[in-house]
N, C-alpha and C. Protein backbone atom coordinates (compact mmCIF):
# COMPACT_ATOMS: atom_id res chain seq x y z
N UNK A 1 22.91 -17.31 -47.87
CA UNK A 1 23.02 -17.58 -46.57
C UNK A 1 23.23 -16.69 -45.47
N UNK A 2 24.15 -15.61 -45.97
CA UNK A 2 24.42 -14.48 -45.19
C UNK A 2 22.96 -14.10 -44.66
N UNK A 3 21.63 -13.87 -45.48
CA UNK A 3 20.52 -13.35 -45.45
C UNK A 3 20.04 -14.08 -44.03
N UNK A 4 20.13 -15.50 -44.34
CA UNK A 4 19.47 -16.38 -43.72
C UNK A 4 20.02 -16.35 -42.06
N UNK A 5 21.46 -16.31 -41.77
CA UNK A 5 22.14 -16.11 -40.82
C UNK A 5 21.76 -14.88 -39.98
N UNK A 6 21.72 -13.93 -40.97
CA UNK A 6 21.19 -12.80 -40.21
C UNK A 6 19.82 -12.82 -39.56
N UNK A 7 18.97 -13.03 -40.43
CA UNK A 7 17.75 -13.16 -39.74
C UNK A 7 17.51 -14.21 -38.93
N UNK A 8 18.29 -15.21 -38.51
CA UNK A 8 18.15 -16.06 -37.57
C UNK A 8 18.81 -15.56 -36.44
N UNK A 9 20.15 -15.09 -36.40
CA UNK A 9 20.52 -14.10 -35.24
C UNK A 9 19.18 -12.73 -34.76
N UNK A 10 18.66 -12.72 -35.78
CA UNK A 10 17.76 -11.38 -35.54
C UNK A 10 16.24 -12.03 -34.52
N UNK A 11 16.25 -13.14 -35.14
CA UNK A 11 14.93 -13.93 -34.52
C UNK A 11 15.30 -14.36 -33.08
N UNK A 12 16.20 -15.08 -32.69
CA UNK A 12 17.12 -15.43 -31.72
C UNK A 12 17.06 -14.49 -30.41
N UNK A 13 17.57 -13.01 -30.97
CA UNK A 13 17.61 -11.54 -30.12
C UNK A 13 15.81 -11.44 -29.89
N UNK A 14 15.27 -11.34 -30.99
CA UNK A 14 14.13 -10.88 -30.87
C UNK A 14 13.38 -11.77 -29.65
N UNK A 15 13.39 -12.88 -29.53
CA UNK A 15 12.95 -13.95 -28.89
C UNK A 15 13.56 -13.76 -27.84
N UNK A 16 14.61 -13.42 -27.13
CA UNK A 16 15.06 -13.38 -25.88
C UNK A 16 15.15 -11.84 -25.34
N UNK A 17 14.48 -10.75 -26.19
CA UNK A 17 13.95 -9.57 -25.99
C UNK A 17 12.31 -9.75 -25.14
N UNK A 18 11.42 -10.66 -25.64
CA UNK A 18 10.31 -10.95 -25.33
C UNK A 18 10.36 -11.80 -24.10
N UNK A 19 11.03 -12.61 -24.25
CA UNK A 19 11.35 -13.54 -22.88
C UNK A 19 11.51 -12.33 -21.83
N UNK A 20 12.78 -11.74 -21.89
CA UNK A 20 12.97 -10.65 -20.97
C UNK A 20 11.95 -9.56 -20.80
N UNK A 21 11.22 -9.28 -21.52
CA UNK A 21 9.72 -8.94 -21.00
C UNK A 21 8.48 -9.29 -20.20
N UNK A 22 8.46 -10.69 -20.58
CA UNK A 22 7.79 -11.95 -20.16
C UNK A 22 8.10 -11.71 -18.51
N UNK A 23 9.29 -11.67 -18.32
CA UNK A 23 10.12 -11.99 -16.82
C UNK A 23 9.63 -10.84 -16.30
N UNK A 24 9.91 -9.93 -16.99
CA UNK A 24 9.55 -8.05 -16.18
C UNK A 24 8.18 -8.05 -15.88
N UNK A 25 7.34 -8.31 -16.71
CA UNK A 25 5.86 -8.41 -16.28
C UNK A 25 5.55 -9.14 -15.34
N UNK A 26 5.72 -10.86 -15.59
CA UNK A 26 6.02 -11.30 -14.52
C UNK A 26 5.94 -10.81 -13.16
N UNK A 27 7.21 -10.10 -12.84
CA UNK A 27 8.03 -9.73 -11.72
C UNK A 27 6.88 -8.71 -11.02
N UNK A 28 6.26 -7.84 -11.92
CA UNK A 28 5.45 -6.75 -11.42
C UNK A 28 4.27 -7.26 -10.98
N UNK A 29 3.56 -8.51 -11.45
CA UNK A 29 2.31 -8.87 -11.20
C UNK A 29 2.50 -9.46 -10.06
N UNK A 30 3.94 -9.91 -9.54
CA UNK A 30 4.07 -10.75 -8.29
C UNK A 30 4.26 -9.63 -7.54
N UNK A 31 4.94 -8.16 -7.78
CA UNK A 31 4.67 -7.67 -6.39
C UNK A 31 3.58 -6.77 -6.17
N UNK A 32 2.74 -6.77 -7.22
CA UNK A 32 1.31 -5.97 -7.17
C UNK A 32 0.55 -6.94 -6.35
N UNK A 33 0.93 -8.02 -6.43
CA UNK A 33 -0.12 -9.01 -5.88
C UNK A 33 0.25 -9.07 -4.32
N UNK A 34 1.56 -9.03 -4.02
CA UNK A 34 1.95 -9.01 -2.33
C UNK A 34 1.95 -7.80 -1.78
N UNK A 35 2.06 -6.24 -2.55
CA UNK A 35 1.45 -5.36 -1.84
C UNK A 35 -0.30 -5.25 -1.64
N UNK A 36 -0.63 -5.80 -2.69
CA UNK A 36 -2.36 -5.81 -2.41
C UNK A 36 -2.77 -6.64 -1.64
N UNK A 37 -2.21 -7.81 -1.43
CA UNK A 37 -2.38 -8.65 -0.38
C UNK A 37 -2.15 -8.45 1.01
N UNK A 38 -0.94 -7.36 1.41
CA UNK A 38 -0.66 -6.91 2.59
C UNK A 38 -1.62 -5.59 2.82
N UNK A 39 -2.12 -4.63 1.88
CA UNK A 39 -3.18 -3.54 1.73
C UNK A 39 -4.51 -4.47 2.49
N UNK A 40 -4.79 -5.46 1.86
CA UNK A 40 -6.31 -6.04 2.31
C UNK A 40 -6.22 -6.52 3.69
N UNK A 41 -5.07 -7.18 4.11
CA UNK A 41 -5.09 -7.49 5.51
C UNK A 41 -4.95 -6.11 6.34
N UNK A 42 -4.55 -4.84 5.80
CA UNK A 42 -4.48 -3.95 6.64
C UNK A 42 -5.96 -3.49 6.78
N UNK A 43 -6.60 -3.55 5.43
CA UNK A 43 -8.14 -2.97 5.56
C UNK A 43 -8.99 -3.75 6.47
N UNK A 44 -8.76 -5.12 6.40
CA UNK A 44 -9.41 -5.82 7.47
C UNK A 44 -9.04 -5.60 9.03
N UNK A 45 -8.07 -5.40 8.88
CA UNK A 45 -7.42 -5.18 10.57
C UNK A 45 -8.36 -3.66 11.11
N UNK A 46 -8.14 -2.71 10.20
CA UNK A 46 -8.62 -1.46 10.16
C UNK A 46 -10.16 -1.35 10.28
N UNK A 47 -11.04 -2.55 10.32
CA UNK A 47 -12.17 -2.50 10.37
C UNK A 47 -12.87 -3.08 11.33
N UNK A 48 -11.46 -3.92 11.89
CA UNK A 48 -12.23 -4.21 13.18
C UNK A 48 -11.36 -3.64 14.22
N UNK A 49 -11.07 -2.58 13.93
CA UNK A 49 -10.00 -1.16 14.84
C UNK A 49 -9.18 -2.27 15.74
N UNK A 50 -8.18 -2.70 14.74
CA UNK A 50 -6.82 -3.53 15.41
C UNK A 50 -5.64 -2.64 15.17
N UNK A 51 -5.44 -1.85 16.06
CA UNK A 51 -4.11 -1.07 15.91
C UNK A 51 -3.11 -1.86 15.81
N UNK A 52 -2.86 -3.03 16.33
CA UNK A 52 -1.73 -4.05 16.53
C UNK A 52 -1.48 -4.19 15.08
N UNK A 53 -2.47 -4.76 14.45
CA UNK A 53 -2.06 -5.88 13.23
C UNK A 53 -2.42 -4.23 12.04
N UNK A 54 -2.81 -3.07 12.28
CA UNK A 54 -2.50 -1.88 11.29
C UNK A 54 -1.36 -1.78 11.12
N UNK A 55 -0.41 -1.58 12.30
CA UNK A 55 0.46 -1.56 12.46
C UNK A 55 1.91 -2.30 12.13
N UNK A 56 1.35 -3.43 12.03
CA UNK A 56 2.19 -4.69 11.53
C UNK A 56 3.03 -4.37 10.34
N UNK A 57 2.48 -3.66 9.37
CA UNK A 57 3.24 -3.81 8.03
C UNK A 57 4.39 -2.35 7.78
N UNK A 58 4.27 -2.05 9.25
CA UNK A 58 5.20 -0.59 9.00
C UNK A 58 6.57 -0.61 9.48
N UNK A 59 7.37 0.03 9.25
CA UNK A 59 8.87 -0.18 9.39
C UNK A 59 9.25 1.37 9.36
N UNK A 60 9.63 1.69 10.45
CA UNK A 60 10.11 3.25 10.42
C UNK A 60 11.62 3.62 11.02
N UNK A 61 12.15 2.58 10.45
CA UNK A 61 13.65 2.76 10.65
C UNK A 61 14.35 3.74 9.82
N UNK A 62 13.94 4.29 8.64
CA UNK A 62 14.09 5.15 7.86
C UNK A 62 13.67 6.40 8.40
N UNK A 63 13.04 6.69 9.04
CA UNK A 63 12.14 7.91 9.88
C UNK A 63 11.94 8.89 8.70
N UNK A 64 11.21 8.31 7.74
CA UNK A 64 10.82 9.15 6.56
C UNK A 64 9.45 10.18 6.90
N UNK A 65 8.90 9.74 7.59
CA UNK A 65 7.79 10.96 8.50
C UNK A 65 6.39 10.26 7.82
N UNK A 66 5.57 10.79 8.20
CA UNK A 66 3.92 10.18 8.10
C UNK A 66 3.17 11.67 8.43
N UNK A 67 1.93 11.40 7.23
CA UNK A 67 1.26 12.61 7.51
C UNK A 67 -0.19 12.24 7.70
N UNK A 68 -0.90 12.75 8.24
CA UNK A 68 -2.10 12.66 8.67
C UNK A 68 -3.17 13.48 8.95
N UNK A 69 -4.24 13.82 7.73
CA UNK A 69 -5.14 15.16 8.15
C UNK A 69 -4.52 16.56 8.08
N UNK A 70 -3.19 16.29 7.29
CA UNK A 70 -2.60 17.57 7.65
C UNK A 70 -1.25 18.02 8.39
N UNK A 71 -1.14 17.07 9.26
CA UNK A 71 -0.29 16.95 10.65
C UNK A 71 0.70 16.12 10.71
N UNK A 72 2.01 16.70 9.96
CA UNK A 72 3.01 15.66 10.14
C UNK A 72 3.67 15.24 10.96
N UNK A 73 3.92 13.83 11.32
CA UNK A 73 4.71 13.01 12.39
C UNK A 73 6.10 12.48 11.94
N UNK A 74 6.86 13.19 12.80
CA UNK A 74 8.35 12.57 12.43
C UNK A 74 8.82 11.18 12.80
N UNK A 75 7.78 10.37 13.44
CA UNK A 75 7.75 9.11 13.66
C UNK A 75 6.55 8.46 13.66
N UNK A 76 6.24 6.75 13.21
CA UNK A 76 5.35 6.44 13.31
C UNK A 76 4.77 6.15 14.81
N UNK A 77 5.53 6.22 16.02
CA UNK A 77 5.12 5.72 17.05
C UNK A 77 3.98 6.83 17.67
N UNK A 78 4.55 8.01 17.03
CA UNK A 78 3.79 9.47 17.59
C UNK A 78 2.69 9.34 17.24
N UNK A 79 2.40 8.69 15.40
CA UNK A 79 1.18 8.67 14.98
C UNK A 79 0.29 7.66 15.49
N UNK A 80 1.16 6.57 16.06
CA UNK A 80 0.02 5.42 16.41
C UNK A 80 -0.37 5.82 17.93
N UNK A 81 0.53 6.53 18.69
CA UNK A 81 -0.25 6.90 20.09
C UNK A 81 -1.49 7.78 19.61
N UNK A 82 -1.34 8.79 18.99
CA UNK A 82 -2.45 9.76 18.44
C UNK A 82 -3.65 8.57 17.56
N UNK A 83 -3.55 7.86 17.44
CA UNK A 83 -4.34 7.03 16.18
C UNK A 83 -4.95 6.31 17.56
N UNK A 84 -4.46 5.33 18.19
CA UNK A 84 -4.97 4.61 19.52
C UNK A 84 -5.95 5.69 20.75
N UNK A 85 -5.58 6.86 20.57
CA UNK A 85 -6.28 7.78 21.11
C UNK A 85 -7.62 8.22 20.63
N UNK A 86 -7.27 8.34 19.15
CA UNK A 86 -8.39 8.75 18.29
C UNK A 86 -9.79 7.37 18.27
N UNK A 87 -9.20 6.03 18.21
CA UNK A 87 -10.06 5.13 17.85
C UNK A 87 -11.08 4.48 19.45
N UNK A 88 -10.53 5.12 20.22
CA UNK A 88 -11.50 5.10 21.36
C UNK A 88 -12.79 5.77 21.48
N UNK A 89 -13.72 4.58 21.53
CA UNK A 89 -15.10 4.83 21.40
C UNK A 89 -15.80 4.47 19.81
N UNK A 90 -14.76 3.74 19.17
CA UNK A 90 -15.07 3.38 17.51
C UNK A 90 -15.20 1.88 17.77
N UNK A 91 -16.44 1.29 17.45
CA UNK A 91 -16.59 0.00 17.69
C UNK A 91 -16.11 -0.99 16.30
N UNK A 92 -16.82 -0.27 15.28
CA UNK A 92 -16.28 -0.92 14.00
C UNK A 92 -16.30 0.29 12.90
N UNK A 93 -15.55 -0.16 11.80
CA UNK A 93 -16.04 0.63 10.60
C UNK A 93 -15.83 -0.18 9.49
N UNK A 94 -16.48 0.30 8.46
CA UNK A 94 -16.42 -0.29 7.03
C UNK A 94 -15.79 0.82 6.16
N UNK A 95 -14.80 0.16 5.01
CA UNK A 95 -14.20 0.73 4.31
C UNK A 95 -14.13 0.10 3.02
N UNK A 96 -14.99 1.14 1.94
CA UNK A 96 -15.18 0.78 0.77
C UNK A 96 -14.33 1.68 -0.32
N UNK A 97 -13.52 0.55 -0.67
CA UNK A 97 -12.36 1.17 -1.65
C UNK A 97 -12.94 1.49 -2.92
N UNK A 98 -12.67 2.80 -3.54
CA UNK A 98 -13.59 3.16 -4.86
C UNK A 98 -12.43 3.33 -6.00
N UNK A 99 -11.20 3.37 -5.74
CA UNK A 99 -10.03 3.52 -6.25
C UNK A 99 -8.71 3.35 -5.44
N UNK A 100 -8.10 1.97 -6.24
CA UNK A 100 -6.72 1.71 -6.02
C UNK A 100 -5.54 1.67 -7.06
N UNK A 101 -4.52 2.50 -6.64
CA UNK A 101 -3.44 2.24 -8.20
C UNK A 101 -2.58 1.63 -7.11
N UNK A 102 -1.58 0.47 -7.50
CA UNK A 102 -0.31 0.25 -7.23
C UNK A 102 0.58 0.19 -8.18
N UNK A 103 1.70 1.16 -7.89
CA UNK A 103 2.75 1.40 -9.08
C UNK A 103 4.09 0.90 -8.46
N UNK A 104 4.50 0.35 -9.16
CA UNK A 104 5.91 -0.74 -9.08
C UNK A 104 6.91 0.06 -9.20
N UNK A 105 7.88 0.77 -8.32
CA UNK A 105 8.82 1.79 -8.59
C UNK A 105 10.07 0.99 -8.81
N UNK A 106 10.27 -0.22 -8.32
CA UNK A 106 11.42 -1.13 -8.28
C UNK A 106 11.26 -2.08 -7.78
N UNK A 107 12.37 -3.25 -7.82
CA UNK A 107 12.33 -4.61 -7.40
C UNK A 107 11.59 -4.70 -6.01
N UNK A 108 11.89 -3.49 -5.41
CA UNK A 108 12.10 -3.32 -3.92
C UNK A 108 11.07 -2.22 -3.49
N UNK A 109 10.35 -1.12 -4.15
CA UNK A 109 9.80 -0.40 -3.86
C UNK A 109 8.55 -0.11 -4.62
N UNK A 110 7.50 0.32 -3.88
CA UNK A 110 6.16 0.41 -4.73
C UNK A 110 5.56 1.22 -3.80
N UNK A 111 4.12 2.06 -4.73
CA UNK A 111 3.31 3.08 -4.22
C UNK A 111 2.12 2.59 -4.36
N UNK A 112 1.14 2.97 -3.13
CA UNK A 112 -0.09 2.86 -3.35
C UNK A 112 -1.02 3.39 -3.11
N UNK A 113 -1.95 3.83 -4.15
CA UNK A 113 -2.86 5.00 -3.54
C UNK A 113 -3.97 4.28 -3.80
N UNK A 114 -4.64 5.19 -2.84
CA UNK A 114 -6.26 4.45 -2.81
C UNK A 114 -7.31 5.37 -2.26
N UNK A 115 -8.96 5.42 -2.49
CA UNK A 115 -9.63 6.40 -1.79
C UNK A 115 -10.89 5.69 -1.82
N UNK A 116 -11.92 6.12 -1.05
CA UNK A 116 -13.17 5.65 -1.26
C UNK A 116 -13.74 6.24 -0.03
N UNK A 117 -14.89 5.33 0.66
CA UNK A 117 -15.86 5.92 1.86
C UNK A 117 -15.70 4.94 2.81
N UNK A 118 -15.72 5.66 4.24
CA UNK A 118 -15.99 4.98 5.15
C UNK A 118 -17.25 5.12 6.28
N UNK A 119 -17.75 4.06 6.68
CA UNK A 119 -18.54 4.38 8.03
C UNK A 119 -18.02 3.90 9.17
N UNK A 120 -18.13 4.62 10.07
CA UNK A 120 -17.65 4.25 11.33
C UNK A 120 -18.55 3.96 12.50
N UNK A 121 -18.86 3.13 12.96
CA UNK A 121 -19.60 3.00 14.32
C UNK A 121 -19.06 3.15 15.49
N UNK A 122 -19.63 3.95 16.22
CA UNK A 122 -19.10 4.58 17.44
C UNK A 122 -20.15 3.68 18.63
N UNK A 123 -19.30 3.50 19.77
CA UNK A 123 -19.98 3.07 21.08
C UNK A 123 -21.46 3.81 21.47
N UNK A 124 -21.40 5.08 21.08
CA UNK A 124 -22.42 5.58 21.80
C UNK A 124 -23.95 5.82 20.73
N UNK A 125 -23.52 4.93 19.60
CA UNK A 125 -24.46 4.53 18.73
C UNK A 125 -24.53 5.66 17.27
N UNK A 126 -23.66 6.36 17.36
CA UNK A 126 -23.90 7.61 16.20
C UNK A 126 -23.05 6.40 14.90
N UNK A 127 -23.37 7.14 13.62
CA UNK A 127 -22.50 6.49 12.75
C UNK A 127 -22.05 7.93 12.06
N UNK A 128 -20.69 7.57 11.54
CA UNK A 128 -20.14 8.66 10.88
C UNK A 128 -19.56 8.31 9.49
N UNK A 129 -19.81 8.61 8.31
CA UNK A 129 -19.95 8.66 7.31
C UNK A 129 -18.84 9.84 6.83
N UNK A 130 -17.76 9.13 5.83
CA UNK A 130 -16.79 10.16 5.18
C UNK A 130 -16.05 9.61 4.17
N UNK A 131 -15.03 10.59 3.38
CA UNK A 131 -14.60 9.84 2.19
C UNK A 131 -13.09 9.94 2.76
N UNK A 132 -12.07 8.98 2.20
CA UNK A 132 -10.55 9.27 2.51
C UNK A 132 -10.05 8.79 1.31
N UNK A 133 -8.65 9.41 1.69
CA UNK A 133 -7.68 9.14 0.40
C UNK A 133 -6.46 8.78 1.15
N UNK A 134 -5.67 7.86 0.60
CA UNK A 134 -4.17 7.53 1.03
C UNK A 134 -3.32 7.48 0.27
N UNK A 135 -2.06 7.53 0.56
CA UNK A 135 -0.63 6.96 -0.03
C UNK A 135 -0.01 6.23 0.60
N UNK A 136 0.53 5.21 0.27
CA UNK A 136 1.36 4.27 0.67
C UNK A 136 2.45 4.02 0.10
N UNK A 137 3.88 4.27 0.75
CA UNK A 137 5.10 3.68 0.06
C UNK A 137 5.45 2.77 0.94
N UNK A 138 5.89 1.78 -0.01
CA UNK A 138 6.20 0.37 0.40
C UNK A 138 7.71 0.01 0.28
N UNK A 139 8.43 -0.63 1.09
CA UNK A 139 10.16 -0.93 0.63
C UNK A 139 10.22 -2.03 0.92
N UNK A 140 10.97 -3.28 0.31
CA UNK A 140 11.28 -4.31 0.61
C UNK A 140 12.44 -4.51 1.39
N UNK A 141 12.06 -4.24 2.53
CA UNK A 141 13.32 -4.78 4.12
C UNK A 141 13.43 -6.02 4.38
N UNK A 142 14.50 -6.82 4.31
CA UNK A 142 14.83 -8.00 4.76
C UNK A 142 13.98 -9.45 4.16
N UNK A 143 13.22 -8.89 3.26
CA UNK A 143 12.71 -10.14 2.53
C UNK A 143 11.11 -9.81 2.51
N UNK A 144 10.74 -8.78 3.25
CA UNK A 144 9.34 -8.00 3.79
C UNK A 144 8.71 -7.07 3.43
N UNK A 145 7.78 -6.80 2.73
CA UNK A 145 7.47 -5.48 2.18
C UNK A 145 6.79 -4.53 3.78
N UNK A 146 7.35 -3.38 3.86
CA UNK A 146 6.82 -2.56 4.84
C UNK A 146 6.62 -1.34 4.35
N UNK A 147 5.55 -1.04 5.15
CA UNK A 147 5.35 0.60 4.62
C UNK A 147 6.45 1.40 5.37
N UNK A 148 7.03 2.39 4.40
CA UNK A 148 7.84 3.40 5.70
C UNK A 148 7.41 4.86 5.42
N UNK A 149 6.11 4.88 4.74
CA UNK A 149 5.64 6.20 4.62
C UNK A 149 4.04 6.15 4.13
N UNK A 150 3.18 7.45 4.85
CA UNK A 150 1.95 7.34 4.57
C UNK A 150 1.86 8.86 4.53
N UNK A 151 0.56 9.10 3.73
CA UNK A 151 -0.07 10.15 3.71
C UNK A 151 -1.58 9.60 3.92
N UNK A 152 -2.60 10.34 4.68
CA UNK A 152 -3.62 9.75 5.01
C UNK A 152 -4.46 11.24 5.02
N UNK A 153 -5.49 11.01 4.63
CA UNK A 153 -7.01 12.20 4.71
C UNK A 153 -8.24 11.18 4.88
N UNK A 154 -8.57 10.86 6.30
CA UNK A 154 -9.52 10.55 6.64
C UNK A 154 -10.83 11.10 7.42
N UNK A 155 -11.67 10.89 7.30
CA UNK A 155 -12.96 11.50 8.09
C UNK A 155 -12.95 12.12 9.33
N UNK A 156 -13.36 13.31 9.85
CA UNK A 156 -13.19 13.67 11.20
C UNK A 156 -14.42 13.98 11.36
N UNK A 157 -14.61 13.99 12.77
CA UNK A 157 -16.20 14.37 13.22
C UNK A 157 -16.51 15.39 13.34
């Protein structure tokens, strides 16, 4: 009888562990989907050179800093000013993501790394092709995922 009781408790404990693991995997999948959805929206905004919607998912309240092509910006607003100047003369761009990895760090933080190729169509008719590599740190702030830091290497003319 003792063996049956121990076996039964062991089976119950194993079921609880497996259920907890399923819940953890489910949460990871949910967060991964949420981050990926935001990233896809940002890519679509970037392809139409829409600075407003590119920056919609950024929260700079923690002042973590941003890096673009080796230049450090202590605030997102400074980076955005330069970005708006830099996109003048760009009609559109096509971004092909070759590699993407989303790493869930906790229930409220995640890291996305991506690389790929871009094709910029300029208003003077020129086409610029290049490779890019990006890293974004996401944090859930007041129930919404926001980019709090980025490190980007983009093609230059």
